[in-house]
Amino acid sequence: MSIRNRASTLRFPVGVAALIVAAFLLDAGTQWLADSIVAGTGSWIPRVGTVGQTVLLYSSAATLFAFVVVPVAAFWLGTKYGRSS
């Protein structure tokens, strides 16, 4: 197996790992963002209505990414990986 073929087959698993890491970082960032909104130190953050509504909106977006976008993208990358092998 040449180096080029090995690099192309590693691209898909690395992409899935990057998606999972991005989901964990987004979750940690959402927690930090919620804490700063509640504490009142996040004045630079766009707000939607009350503090609770703002935290709910950002948490919902992070949950949507983690439970919908990541599995769909991982499935797509898996099918691409399977077809390329």
N, C-alpha and C. Protein backbone atom coordinates (compact mmCIF):
# COMPACT_ATOMS: atom_id res chain seq x y z
N MET A 1 0.85 -1.18 0.00
CA MET A 1 0.00 0.00 0.00
C MET A 1 0.89 1.24 0.00
N SER A 2 0.64 2.11 -0.92
CA SER A 2 1.46 3.31 -1.00
C SER A 2 1.06 4.31 0.08
N ILE A 3 1.92 5.29 0.26
CA ILE A 3 1.66 6.32 1.27
C ILE A 3 0.41 7.11 0.92
N ARG A 4 0.19 7.36 -0.35
CA ARG A 4 -0.99 8.12 -0.76
C ARG A 4 -2.28 7.37 -0.45
N ASN A 5 -2.32 6.08 -0.70
CA ASN A 5 -3.52 5.30 -0.40
C ASN A 5 -3.76 5.22 1.10
N ARG A 6 -2.70 5.09 1.88
CA ARG A 6 -2.84 5.03 3.33
C ARG A 6 -3.37 6.35 3.87
N ALA A 7 -2.90 7.46 3.34
CA ALA A 7 -3.37 8.77 3.79
C ALA A 7 -4.83 8.98 3.42
N SER A 8 -5.25 8.51 2.27
CA SER A 8 -6.64 8.69 1.87
C SER A 8 -7.58 7.82 2.69
N THR A 9 -7.13 6.64 3.13
CA THR A 9 -8.00 5.80 3.95
C THR A 9 -8.04 6.28 5.40
N LEU A 10 -7.02 6.96 5.87
CA LEU A 10 -7.02 7.50 7.22
C LEU A 10 -7.84 8.78 7.33
N ARG A 11 -8.11 9.39 6.22
CA ARG A 11 -8.84 10.67 6.23
C ARG A 11 -10.22 10.52 6.86
N PHE A 12 -10.93 9.45 6.56
CA PHE A 12 -12.29 9.27 7.05
C PHE A 12 -12.34 8.99 8.56
N PRO A 13 -11.55 8.06 9.10
CA PRO A 13 -11.56 7.87 10.56
C PRO A 13 -11.11 9.10 11.33
N VAL A 14 -10.16 9.83 10.78
CA VAL A 14 -9.73 11.07 11.44
C VAL A 14 -10.85 12.09 11.42
N GLY A 15 -11.62 12.12 10.34
CA GLY A 15 -12.77 13.03 10.26
C GLY A 15 -13.82 12.70 11.31
N VAL A 16 -14.09 11.41 11.53
CA VAL A 16 -15.06 11.00 12.54
C VAL A 16 -14.54 11.37 13.93
N ALA A 17 -13.26 11.13 14.19
CA ALA A 17 -12.68 11.50 15.48
C ALA A 17 -12.75 13.01 15.71
N ALA A 18 -12.52 13.78 14.66
CA ALA A 18 -12.61 15.24 14.78
C ALA A 18 -14.03 15.68 15.09
N LEU A 19 -15.02 15.03 14.50
CA LEU A 19 -16.41 15.35 14.81
C LEU A 19 -16.75 15.09 16.27
N ILE A 20 -16.27 13.97 16.78
CA ILE A 20 -16.54 13.62 18.17
C ILE A 20 -15.85 14.60 19.12
N VAL A 21 -14.61 14.95 18.82
CA VAL A 21 -13.89 15.93 19.64
C VAL A 21 -14.59 17.28 19.59
N ALA A 22 -15.07 17.67 18.41
CA ALA A 22 -15.79 18.95 18.28
C ALA A 22 -17.06 18.94 19.12
N ALA A 23 -17.76 17.81 19.18
CA ALA A 23 -18.98 17.73 19.99
C ALA A 23 -18.65 17.89 21.47
N PHE A 24 -17.57 17.26 21.94
CA PHE A 24 -17.18 17.41 23.34
C PHE A 24 -16.73 18.84 23.65
N LEU A 25 -15.99 19.45 22.76
CA LEU A 25 -15.57 20.83 22.98
C LEU A 25 -16.75 21.79 22.96
N LEU A 26 -17.70 21.54 22.09
CA LEU A 26 -18.90 22.37 22.04
C LEU A 26 -19.70 22.25 23.33
N ASP A 27 -19.77 21.04 23.88
CA ASP A 27 -20.46 20.84 25.15
C ASP A 27 -19.77 21.60 26.28
N ALA A 28 -18.45 21.51 26.32
CA ALA A 28 -17.71 22.25 27.35
C ALA A 28 -17.85 23.76 27.16
N GLY A 29 -17.82 24.20 25.91
CA GLY A 29 -17.99 25.62 25.63
C GLY A 29 -19.38 26.12 25.99
N THR A 30 -20.38 25.27 25.79
CA THR A 30 -21.75 25.65 26.15
C THR A 30 -21.89 25.78 27.66
N GLN A 31 -21.26 24.88 28.40
CA GLN A 31 -21.30 24.99 29.86
C GLN A 31 -20.63 26.28 30.34
N TRP A 32 -19.47 26.60 29.75
CA TRP A 32 -18.78 27.83 30.12
C TRP A 32 -19.62 29.05 29.75
N LEU A 33 -20.24 29.00 28.58
CA LEU A 33 -21.07 30.10 28.11
C LEU A 33 -22.28 30.30 29.02
N ALA A 34 -22.92 29.20 29.42
CA ALA A 34 -24.06 29.29 30.33
C ALA A 34 -23.65 29.87 31.67
N ASP A 35 -22.50 29.45 32.19
CA ASP A 35 -22.02 29.99 33.46
C ASP A 35 -21.74 31.48 33.37
N SER A 36 -21.15 31.91 32.26
CA SER A 36 -20.84 33.34 32.13
C SER A 36 -22.11 34.17 31.90
N ILE A 37 -23.11 33.61 31.24
CA ILE A 37 -24.37 34.33 31.06
C ILE A 37 -25.08 34.50 32.39
N VAL A 38 -25.14 33.42 33.17
CA VAL A 38 -25.82 33.47 34.46
C VAL A 38 -25.10 34.40 35.42
N ALA A 39 -23.76 34.40 35.37
CA ALA A 39 -22.98 35.27 36.26
C ALA A 39 -23.04 36.73 35.83
N GLY A 40 -23.44 36.98 34.58
CA GLY A 40 -23.52 38.35 34.11
C GLY A 40 -22.24 38.88 33.52
N THR A 41 -21.23 38.03 33.37
CA THR A 41 -19.96 38.49 32.82
C THR A 41 -19.90 38.37 31.31
N GLY A 42 -20.87 37.73 30.71
CA GLY A 42 -20.86 37.55 29.25
C GLY A 42 -21.69 38.59 28.55
N SER A 43 -21.33 39.85 28.68
CA SER A 43 -22.12 40.92 28.06
C SER A 43 -21.95 40.95 26.54
N TRP A 44 -20.92 40.31 26.03
CA TRP A 44 -20.67 40.27 24.59
C TRP A 44 -21.50 39.22 23.88
N ILE A 45 -22.17 38.36 24.64
CA ILE A 45 -22.93 37.25 24.06
C ILE A 45 -24.30 37.75 23.60
N PRO A 46 -24.69 37.45 22.36
CA PRO A 46 -26.04 37.84 21.92
C PRO A 46 -27.10 37.16 22.79
N ARG A 47 -28.07 37.94 23.22
CA ARG A 47 -29.11 37.41 24.11
C ARG A 47 -30.44 37.33 23.39
N VAL A 48 -31.23 36.36 23.81
CA VAL A 48 -32.57 36.17 23.27
C VAL A 48 -33.54 36.19 24.45
N GLY A 49 -34.24 37.26 24.63
CA GLY A 49 -35.20 37.35 25.74
C GLY A 49 -34.50 37.33 27.09
N THR A 50 -34.93 36.39 27.95
CA THR A 50 -34.36 36.30 29.29
C THR A 50 -33.08 35.47 29.28
N VAL A 51 -32.43 35.42 30.42
CA VAL A 51 -31.21 34.62 30.55
C VAL A 51 -31.51 33.14 30.33
N GLY A 52 -32.61 32.67 30.88
CA GLY A 52 -32.99 31.27 30.72
C GLY A 52 -33.27 30.90 29.26
N GLN A 53 -33.92 31.81 28.54
CA GLN A 53 -34.19 31.55 27.13
C GLN A 53 -32.90 31.51 26.32
N THR A 54 -31.96 32.39 26.68
CA THR A 54 -30.68 32.42 25.98
C THR A 54 -29.90 31.13 26.22
N VAL A 55 -29.82 30.70 27.47
CA VAL A 55 -29.11 29.46 27.80
C VAL A 55 -29.79 28.27 27.12
N LEU A 56 -31.12 28.26 27.10
CA LEU A 56 -31.85 27.17 26.45
C LEU A 56 -31.57 27.13 24.95
N LEU A 57 -31.51 28.28 24.32
CA LEU A 57 -31.23 28.33 22.88
C LEU A 57 -29.84 27.79 22.56
N TYR A 58 -28.83 28.24 23.31
CA TYR A 58 -27.47 27.77 23.06
C TYR A 58 -27.32 26.29 23.40
N SER A 59 -27.96 25.84 24.46
CA SER A 59 -27.89 24.42 24.82
C SER A 59 -28.59 23.56 23.78
N SER A 60 -29.71 24.03 23.26
CA SER A 60 -30.43 23.29 22.23
C SER A 60 -29.62 23.17 20.95
N ALA A 61 -28.93 24.24 20.59
CA ALA A 61 -28.09 24.21 19.39
C ALA A 61 -26.94 23.21 19.57
N ALA A 62 -26.33 23.19 20.74
CA ALA A 62 -25.23 22.25 21.00
C ALA A 62 -25.75 20.80 21.01
N THR A 63 -26.93 20.59 21.57
CA THR A 63 -27.52 19.25 21.59
C THR A 63 -27.87 18.80 20.18
N LEU A 64 -28.42 19.69 19.38
CA LEU A 64 -28.73 19.35 18.00
C LEU A 64 -27.47 18.94 17.24
N PHE A 65 -26.39 19.68 17.45
CA PHE A 65 -25.13 19.33 16.80
C PHE A 65 -24.64 17.96 17.26
N ALA A 66 -24.66 17.74 18.57
CA ALA A 66 -24.10 16.50 19.12
C ALA A 66 -24.92 15.26 18.77
N PHE A 67 -26.25 15.39 18.73
CA PHE A 67 -27.08 14.21 18.55
C PHE A 67 -27.68 14.06 17.16
N VAL A 68 -27.54 15.06 16.30
CA VAL A 68 -28.07 14.94 14.95
C VAL A 68 -26.95 15.10 13.91
N VAL A 69 -26.23 16.19 13.97
CA VAL A 69 -25.23 16.49 12.95
C VAL A 69 -24.06 15.51 13.02
N VAL A 70 -23.55 15.24 14.21
CA VAL A 70 -22.40 14.34 14.34
C VAL A 70 -22.73 12.92 13.87
N PRO A 71 -23.84 12.30 14.30
CA PRO A 71 -24.12 10.94 13.79
C PRO A 71 -24.36 10.90 12.27
N VAL A 72 -25.05 11.90 11.73
CA VAL A 72 -25.29 11.91 10.30
C VAL A 72 -23.97 12.06 9.54
N ALA A 73 -23.13 12.98 9.99
CA ALA A 73 -21.83 13.17 9.33
C ALA A 73 -20.94 11.93 9.50
N ALA A 74 -20.98 11.30 10.67
CA ALA A 74 -20.18 10.08 10.88
C ALA A 74 -20.67 8.95 9.99
N PHE A 75 -21.99 8.82 9.83
CA PHE A 75 -22.53 7.80 8.93
C PHE A 75 -22.11 8.08 7.50
N TRP A 76 -22.19 9.33 7.09
CA TRP A 76 -21.79 9.70 5.73
C TRP A 76 -20.31 9.40 5.50
N LEU A 77 -19.46 9.78 6.48
CA LEU A 77 -18.04 9.47 6.35
C LEU A 77 -17.79 7.96 6.33
N GLY A 78 -18.56 7.21 7.11
CA GLY A 78 -18.42 5.75 7.11
C GLY A 78 -18.78 5.14 5.77
N THR A 79 -19.83 5.63 5.14
CA THR A 79 -20.20 5.10 3.83
C THR A 79 -19.15 5.48 2.78
N LYS A 80 -18.61 6.67 2.89
CA LYS A 80 -17.54 7.07 1.95
C LYS A 80 -16.31 6.21 2.16
N TYR A 81 -15.99 5.92 3.43
CA TYR A 81 -14.84 5.07 3.75
C TYR A 81 -15.06 3.65 3.22
N GLY A 82 -16.27 3.13 3.40
CA GLY A 82 -16.58 1.79 2.92
C GLY A 82 -16.51 1.68 1.41
N ARG A 83 -16.94 2.70 0.72
CA ARG A 83 -16.90 2.67 -0.74
C ARG A 83 -15.51 2.87 -1.30
N SER A 84 -14.65 3.57 -0.53
CA SER A 84 -13.30 3.80 -1.02
C SER A 84 -12.38 2.61 -0.77
N SER A 85 -12.75 1.74 0.14
CA SER A 85 -11.90 0.58 0.46
C SER A 85 -12.09 -0.55 -0.51
